[in-house]
PDB file of N, CA and C in Angstrom:
ATOM      1  N   VAL A   1     -17.881  14.030  -4.098  1.00  0.00           N
ATOM      2  CA  VAL A   1     -18.096  12.735  -3.832  1.00  0.00           C
ATOM      3  C   VAL A   1     -17.374  11.719  -5.070  1.00  0.00           C
ATOM      4  N   PHE A   2     -16.016  12.061  -4.911  1.00  0.00           N
ATOM      5  CA  PHE A   2     -15.329  11.522  -6.123  1.00  0.00           C
ATOM      6  C   PHE A   2     -15.174   9.954  -6.047  1.00  0.00           C
ATOM      7  N   HIS A   3     -15.089   9.417  -4.600  1.00  0.00           N
ATOM      8  CA  HIS A   3     -15.190   8.039  -4.684  1.00  0.00           C
ATOM      9  C   HIS A   3     -16.373   7.522  -4.415  1.00  0.00           C
ATOM     10  N   GLY A   4     -17.549   8.124  -4.663  1.00  0.00           N
ATOM     11  CA  GLY A   4     -18.958   7.409  -4.283  1.00  0.00           C
ATOM     12  C   GLY A   4     -19.251   7.776  -2.955  1.00  0.00           C
ATOM     13  N   ASP A   5     -20.651   7.692  -2.705  1.00  0.00           N
ATOM     14  CA  ASP A   5     -21.382   7.696  -1.281  1.00  0.00           C
ATOM     15  C   ASP A   5     -20.424   6.885  -0.431  1.00  0.00           C
ATOM     16  N   GLY A   6     -20.336   7.248   0.490  1.00  0.00           N
ATOM     17  CA  GLY A   6     -19.729   6.459   1.762  1.00  0.00           C
ATOM     18  C   GLY A   6     -18.367   5.770   1.517  1.00  0.00           C
ATOM     19  N   ALA A   7     -17.754   6.131   0.564  1.00  0.00           N
ATOM     20  CA  ALA A   7     -16.337   5.985   0.243  1.00  0.00           C
ATOM     21  C   ALA A   7     -16.297   4.603  -0.864  1.00  0.00           C
ATOM     22  N   HIS A   8     -17.455   4.287  -1.338  1.00  0.00           N
ATOM     23  CA  HIS A   8     -17.440   3.310  -2.219  1.00  0.00           C
ATOM     24  C   HIS A   8     -16.975   3.642  -3.421  1.00  0.00           C
ATOM     25  N   GLY A   9     -16.051   2.726  -4.042  1.00  0.00           N
ATOM     26  CA  GLY A   9     -15.587   2.770  -5.554  1.00  0.00           C
ATOM     27  C   GLY A   9     -16.094   3.312  -6.750  1.00  0.00           C
ATOM     28  N   GLY A  10     -17.268   2.547  -6.908  1.00  0.00           N
ATOM     29  CA  GLY A  10     -18.212   2.854  -8.167  1.00  0.00           C
ATOM     30  C   GLY A  10     -17.420   2.247  -9.444  1.00  0.00           C
ATOM     31  N   GLY A  11     -16.368   1.703  -9.270  1.00  0.00           N
ATOM     32  CA  GLY A  11     -15.726   1.032 -10.491  1.00  0.00           C
ATOM     33  C   GLY A  11     -14.772   1.532 -11.115  1.00  0.00           C
ATOM     34  N   VAL A  12     -14.817   3.033 -11.266  1.00  0.00           N
ATOM     35  CA  VAL A  12     -13.649   3.679 -11.798  1.00  0.00           C
ATOM     36  C   VAL A  12     -12.592   4.274 -11.159  1.00  0.00           C
ATOM     37  N   VAL A  13     -12.720   4.487  -9.857  1.00  0.00           N
ATOM     38  CA  VAL A  13     -12.009   5.108  -8.913  1.00  0.00           C
ATOM     39  C   VAL A  13     -11.715   3.937  -7.678  1.00  0.00           C
ATOM     40  N   PRO A  14     -10.875   3.997  -6.902  1.00  0.00           N
ATOM     41  CA  PRO A  14     -10.701   2.942  -5.896  1.00  0.00           C
ATOM     42  C   PRO A  14     -11.709   2.994  -4.800  1.00  0.00           C
ATOM     43  N   ASP A  15     -12.026   1.774  -4.187  1.00  0.00           N
ATOM     44  CA  ASP A  15     -13.150   1.933  -3.045  1.00  0.00           C
ATOM     45  C   ASP A  15     -12.129   2.310  -1.896  1.00  0.00           C
ATOM     46  N   LEU A  16     -12.307   3.256  -1.228  1.00  0.00           N
ATOM     47  CA  LEU A  16     -11.486   3.685  -0.023  1.00  0.00           C
ATOM     48  C   LEU A  16     -11.719   2.859   1.053  1.00  0.00           C
ATOM     49  N   ARG A  17     -12.633   2.178   1.209  1.00  0.00           N
ATOM     50  CA  ARG A  17     -12.945   1.165   2.409  1.00  0.00           C
ATOM     51  C   ARG A  17     -12.092   0.032   2.374  1.00  0.00           C
ATOM     52  N   TYR A  18     -11.307  -0.171   1.221  1.00  0.00           N
ATOM     53  CA  TYR A  18     -10.320  -1.351   1.278  1.00  0.00           C
ATOM     54  C   TYR A  18      -8.936  -0.924   1.454  1.00  0.00           C
ATOM     55  N   MET A  19      -8.698   0.374   1.756  1.00  0.00           N
ATOM     56  CA  MET A  19      -7.314   0.781   1.944  1.00  0.00           C
ATOM     57  C   MET A  19      -6.575  -0.033   2.810  1.00  0.00           C
ATOM     58  N   GLY A  20      -5.200  -0.348   2.647  1.00  0.00           N
ATOM     59  CA  GLY A  20      -4.332  -1.379   3.330  1.00  0.00           C
ATOM     60  C   GLY A  20      -3.235  -0.104   4.213  1.00  0.00           C
ATOM     61  N   GLU A  21      -2.715  -0.723   5.093  1.00  0.00           N
ATOM     62  CA  GLU A  21      -1.847   0.102   5.942  1.00  0.00           C
ATOM     63  C   GLU A  21      -0.813   1.012   5.209  1.00  0.00           C
ATOM     64  N   GLU A  22      -0.421   0.492   3.767  1.00  0.00           N
ATOM     65  CA  GLU A  22       0.497   1.252   2.999  1.00  0.00           C
ATOM     66  C   GLU A  22      -0.276   2.420   2.680  1.00  0.00           C
ATOM     67  N   GLN A  23      -1.573   2.344   2.210  1.00  0.00           N
ATOM     68  CA  GLN A  23      -2.147   3.509   1.538  1.00  0.00           C
ATOM     69  C   GLN A  23      -2.618   4.393   2.677  1.00  0.00           C
ATOM     70  N   HIS A  24      -2.937   3.976   4.014  1.00  0.00           N
ATOM     71  CA  HIS A  24      -3.158   4.866   4.943  1.00  0.00           C
ATOM     72  C   HIS A  24      -2.047   5.745   5.488  1.00  0.00           C
ATOM     73  N   GLN A  25      -0.731   5.033   5.319  1.00  0.00           N
ATOM     74  CA  GLN A  25       0.636   5.826   5.696  1.00  0.00           C
ATOM     75  C   GLN A  25       0.972   6.768   4.669  1.00  0.00           C
ATOM     76  N   ALA A  26       0.467   6.579   3.525  1.00  0.00           N
ATOM     77  CA  ALA A  26       0.889   7.627   2.160  1.00  0.00           C
ATOM     78  C   ALA A  26      -0.457   8.654   2.237  1.00  0.00           C
ATOM     79  N   TRP A  27      -1.463   8.451   3.100  1.00  0.00           N
ATOM     80  CA  TRP A  27      -2.608   9.218   2.809  1.00  0.00           C
ATOM     81  C   TRP A  27      -2.286  11.001   2.569  1.00  0.00           C
ATOM     82  N   LEU A  28      -1.664  11.724   3.237  1.00  0.00           N
ATOM     83  CA  LEU A  28      -1.276  12.828   3.351  1.00  0.00           C
ATOM     84  C   LEU A  28      -0.380  13.056   1.931  1.00  0.00           C
ATOM     85  N   GLY A  29       0.371  12.296   1.753  1.00  0.00           N
ATOM     86  CA  GLY A  29       1.149  12.510   0.620  1.00  0.00           C
ATOM     87  C   GLY A  29       0.439  12.495  -0.671  1.00  0.00           C
ATOM     88  N   VAL A  30      -0.652  11.600  -0.836  1.00  0.00           N
ATOM     89  CA  VAL A  30      -1.605  11.578  -1.890  1.00  0.00           C
ATOM     90  C   VAL A  30      -2.382  12.650  -1.960  1.00  0.00           C
ATOM     91  N   VAL A  31      -3.218  12.789  -0.746  1.00  0.00           N
ATOM     92  CA  VAL A  31      -4.235  13.824  -0.732  1.00  0.00           C
ATOM     93  C   VAL A  31      -3.789  15.451  -0.823  1.00  0.00           C
ATOM     94  N   ILE A  32      -2.662  15.510  -0.114  1.00  0.00           N
ATOM     95  CA  ILE A  32      -2.145  16.998  -0.063  1.00  0.00           C
ATOM     96  C   ILE A  32      -0.979  17.058  -0.996  1.00  0.00           C
ATOM     97  N   GLY A  33      -0.088  16.249  -0.947  1.00  0.00           N
ATOM     98  CA  GLY A  33       1.205  16.021  -1.764  1.00  0.00           C
ATOM     99  C   GLY A  33       1.078  15.879  -3.130  1.00  0.00           C
ATOM    100  N   GLY A  34       0.192  15.273  -3.621  1.00  0.00           N
ATOM    101  CA  GLY A  34      -0.137  15.051  -4.806  1.00  0.00           C
ATOM    102  C   GLY A  34       0.699  13.780  -5.389  1.00  0.00           C
ATOM    103  N   LEU A  35       0.924  12.811  -4.621  1.00  0.00           N
ATOM    104  CA  LEU A  35       1.681  11.619  -4.805  1.00  0.00           C
ATOM    105  C   LEU A  35       1.414  10.591  -5.971  1.00  0.00           C
ATOM    106  N   HIS A  36       0.021  10.667  -6.204  1.00  0.00           N
ATOM    107  CA  HIS A  36      -0.693   9.931  -7.394  1.00  0.00           C
ATOM    108  C   HIS A  36      -1.128  10.588  -8.471  1.00  0.00           C
ATOM    109  N   SER A  37      -0.482  12.024  -8.521  1.00  0.00           N
ATOM    110  CA  SER A  37      -0.945  12.866  -9.740  1.00  0.00           C
ATOM    111  C   SER A  37      -0.761  12.301 -11.266  1.00  0.00           C
ATOM    112  N   LYS A  38       0.090  11.652 -11.285  1.00  0.00           N
ATOM    113  CA  LYS A  38       0.569  11.002 -12.628  1.00  0.00           C
ATOM    114  C   LYS A  38      -0.667   9.733 -12.745  1.00  0.00           C
ATOM    115  N   ARG A  39      -1.407   9.259 -11.873  1.00  0.00           N
ATOM    116  CA  ARG A  39      -2.426   8.385 -12.029  1.00  0.00           C
ATOM    117  C   ARG A  39      -3.788   9.167 -12.065  1.00  0.00           C
ATOM    118  N   GLY A  40      -3.868  10.327 -11.930  1.00  0.00           N
ATOM    119  CA  GLY A  40      -4.868  11.232 -12.032  1.00  0.00           C
ATOM    120  C   GLY A  40      -5.736  11.750 -10.900  1.00  0.00           C
ATOM    121  N   MET A  41      -5.047  11.402  -9.710  1.00  0.00           N
ATOM    122  CA  MET A  41      -5.472  11.890  -8.459  1.00  0.00           C
ATOM    123  C   MET A  41      -4.475  13.161  -7.939  1.00  0.00           C
ATOM    124  N   HIS A  42      -5.175  14.308  -8.271  1.00  0.00           N
ATOM    125  CA  HIS A  42      -4.396  15.407  -8.042  1.00  0.00           C
ATOM    126  C   HIS A  42      -4.216  15.972  -6.469  1.00  0.00           C
ATOM    127  N   SER A  43      -3.426  16.845  -6.334  1.00  0.00           N
ATOM    128  CA  SER A  43      -3.370  17.369  -4.954  1.00  0.00           C
ATOM    129  C   SER A  43      -4.507  18.359  -4.607  1.00  0.00           C
ATOM    130  N   PHE A  44      -4.886  17.898  -3.301  1.00  0.00           N
ATOM    131  CA  PHE A  44      -5.954  19.041  -2.979  1.00  0.00           C
ATOM    132  C   PHE A  44      -5.366  20.004  -1.839  1.00  0.00           C
ATOM    133  N   ALA A  45      -4.045  20.352  -1.897  1.00  0.00           N
ATOM    134  CA  ALA A  45      -3.276  21.214  -1.025  1.00  0.00           C
ATOM    135  C   ALA A  45      -4.037  22.655  -1.098  1.00  0.00           C
ATOM    136  N   ASP A  46      -4.550  23.057  -2.211  1.00  0.00           N
ATOM    137  CA  ASP A  46      -5.040  24.368  -2.327  1.00  0.00           C
ATOM    138  C   ASP A  46      -6.605  24.119  -1.686  1.00  0.00           C
ATOM    139  N   GLU A  47      -7.192  23.291  -1.469  1.00  0.00           N
ATOM    140  CA  GLU A  47      -8.519  23.083  -0.822  1.00  0.00           C
ATOM    141  C   GLU A  47      -8.785  22.610   0.291  1.00  0.00           C
ATOM    142  N   LEU A  48      -7.655  21.663   0.869  1.00  0.00           N
ATOM    143  CA  LEU A  48      -7.820  20.925   2.240  1.00  0.00           C
ATOM    144  C   LEU A  48      -6.742  21.537   3.075  1.00  0.00           C
ATOM    145  N   THR A  49      -6.745  21.368   4.470  1.00  0.00           N
ATOM    146  CA  THR A  49      -5.789  21.428   5.257  1.00  0.00           C
ATOM    147  C   THR A  49      -5.271  20.039   5.460  1.00  0.00           C
ATOM    148  N   ALA A  50      -4.105  19.863   6.308  1.00  0.00           N
ATOM    149  CA  ALA A  50      -4.076  18.490   6.767  1.00  0.00           C
ATOM    150  C   ALA A  50      -4.788  17.715   7.649  1.00  0.00           C
ATOM    151  N   ALA A  51      -5.403  18.868   8.478  1.00  0.00           N
ATOM    152  CA  ALA A  51      -6.482  18.214   9.406  1.00  0.00           C
ATOM    153  C   ALA A  51      -7.596  17.949   8.535  1.00  0.00           C
ATOM    154  N   ASP A  52      -8.042  18.503   7.791  1.00  0.00           N
ATOM    155  CA  ASP A  52      -9.316  18.229   6.820  1.00  0.00           C
ATOM    156  C   ASP A  52      -9.174  16.674   6.171  1.00  0.00           C
ATOM    157  N   ALA A  53      -7.650  16.619   5.719  1.00  0.00           N
ATOM    158  CA  ALA A  53      -7.630  15.399   4.994  1.00  0.00           C
ATOM    159  C   ALA A  53      -7.602  14.117   5.921  1.00  0.00           C
ATOM    160  N   LEU A  54      -7.068  14.508   7.105  1.00  0.00           N
ATOM    161  CA  LEU A  54      -7.055  13.370   8.086  1.00  0.00           C
ATOM    162  C   LEU A  54      -8.309  13.140   8.612  1.00  0.00           C
ATOM    163  N   ALA A  55      -9.195  14.036   8.657  1.00  0.00           N
ATOM    164  CA  ALA A  55     -10.802  13.889   8.849  1.00  0.00           C
ATOM    165  C   ALA A  55     -11.461  13.079   8.065  1.00  0.00           C
ATOM    166  N   ILE A  56     -11.052  13.282   6.556  1.00  0.00           N
ATOM    167  CA  ILE A  56     -11.538  12.446   5.521  1.00  0.00           C
ATOM    168  C   ILE A  56     -10.994  11.076   5.692  1.00  0.00           C
ATOM    169  N   GLN A  57      -9.716  10.897   5.958  1.00  0.00           N
ATOM    170  CA  GLN A  57      -9.100   9.702   6.218  1.00  0.00           C
ATOM    171  C   GLN A  57     -10.060   8.856   7.499  1.00  0.00           C
ATOM    172  N   ALA A  58     -10.295   9.479   8.300  1.00  0.00           N
ATOM    173  CA  ALA A  58     -11.215   9.140   9.599  1.00  0.00           C
ATOM    174  C   ALA A  58     -12.253   8.275   9.175  1.00  0.00           C
ATOM    175  N   TYR A  59     -12.992   9.283   8.459  1.00  0.00           N
ATOM    176  CA  TYR A  59     -14.373   8.987   7.677  1.00  0.00           C
ATOM    177  C   TYR A  59     -14.133   7.605   6.990  1.00  0.00           C
ATOM    178  N   ASN A  60     -13.250   7.538   6.009  1.00  0.00           N
ATOM    179  CA  ASN A  60     -13.158   6.336   5.239  1.00  0.00           C
ATOM    180  C   ASN A  60     -12.788   5.090   6.266  1.00  0.00           C
ATOM    181  N   ILE A  61     -12.069   5.352   7.147  1.00  0.00           N
ATOM    182  CA  ILE A  61     -12.084   4.173   8.151  1.00  0.00           C
ATOM    183  C   ILE A  61     -13.106   3.767   9.034  1.00  0.00           C
ATOM    184  N   GLU A  62     -14.055   4.564   9.288  1.00  0.00           N
ATOM    185  CA  GLU A  62     -15.147   4.342   9.672  1.00  0.00           C
ATOM    186  C   GLU A  62     -16.177   3.558   8.814  1.00  0.00           C
ATOM    187  N   ARG A  63     -16.303   3.994   7.449  1.00  0.00           N
ATOM    188  CA  ARG A  63     -16.942   3.232   6.340  1.00  0.00           C
ATOM    189  C   ARG A  63     -16.610   1.736   6.450  1.00  0.00           C
ATOM    190  N   ALA A  64     -15.046   1.655   6.397  1.00  0.00           N
ATOM    191  CA  ALA A  64     -14.614   0.297   6.271  1.00  0.00           C
ATOM    192  C   ALA A  64     -15.079  -0.419   7.661  1.00  0.00           C
ATOM    193  N   HIS A  65     -15.057   0.025   8.659  1.00  0.00           N
ATOM    194  CA  HIS A  65     -15.444  -0.605   9.859  1.00  0.00           C
ATOM    195  C   HIS A  65     -17.045  -1.129   9.876  1.00  0.00           C
ATOM    196  N   GLU A  66     -17.757  -0.153   9.243  1.00  0.00           N
ATOM    197  CA  GLU A  66     -19.222  -0.360   9.253  1.00  0.00           C
ATOM    198  C   GLU A  66     -19.370  -1.431   8.039  1.00  0.00           C
ATOM    199  N   MET A  67     -18.858  -1.593   7.260  1.00  0.00           N
ATOM    200  CA  MET A  67     -18.745  -2.695   5.930  1.00  0.00           C
ATOM    201  C   MET A  67     -18.324  -4.130   6.547  1.00  0.00           C
ATOM    202  N   ASN A  68     -17.353  -3.960   7.341  1.00  0.00           N
ATOM    203  CA  ASN A  68     -16.790  -5.272   7.951  1.00  0.00           C
ATOM    204  C   ASN A  68     -17.849  -5.634   9.078  1.00  0.00           C
ATOM    205  N   GLU A  69     -18.434  -4.776   9.872  1.00  0.00           N
ATOM    206  CA  GLU A  69     -19.488  -5.227  10.690  1.00  0.00           C
ATOM    207  C   GLU A  69     -20.525  -5.952   9.959  1.00  0.00           C
ATOM    208  N   THR A  70     -20.956  -5.714   8.755  1.00  0.00           N
ATOM    209  CA  THR A  70     -22.169  -6.325   7.973  1.00  0.00           C
ATOM    210  C   THR A  70     -21.934  -7.380   7.380  1.00  0.00           C
ATOM    211  N   LEU A  71     -20.504  -7.827   7.150  1.00  0.00           N
ATOM    212  CA  LEU A  71     -20.068  -8.963   6.760  1.00  0.00           C
ATOM    213  C   LEU A  71     -20.178 -10.285   7.332  1.00  0.00           C
TER     214      LEU A  71
END
């Protein structure tokens, strides 16, 4: 749970509920491709399939919608 329970950031890492379109478009490049490895986000290519990564992205989107519904 690197980004916190429910995708909340916790202050040190980004709160994934606030990802914009650009971040969503780059999702597989970041999670699988290591696009942000120089910023400390290593690739999970050895641990996750692309389908796994997309399921995690869908979870983050659900958390964002839940957050927006409570505002």
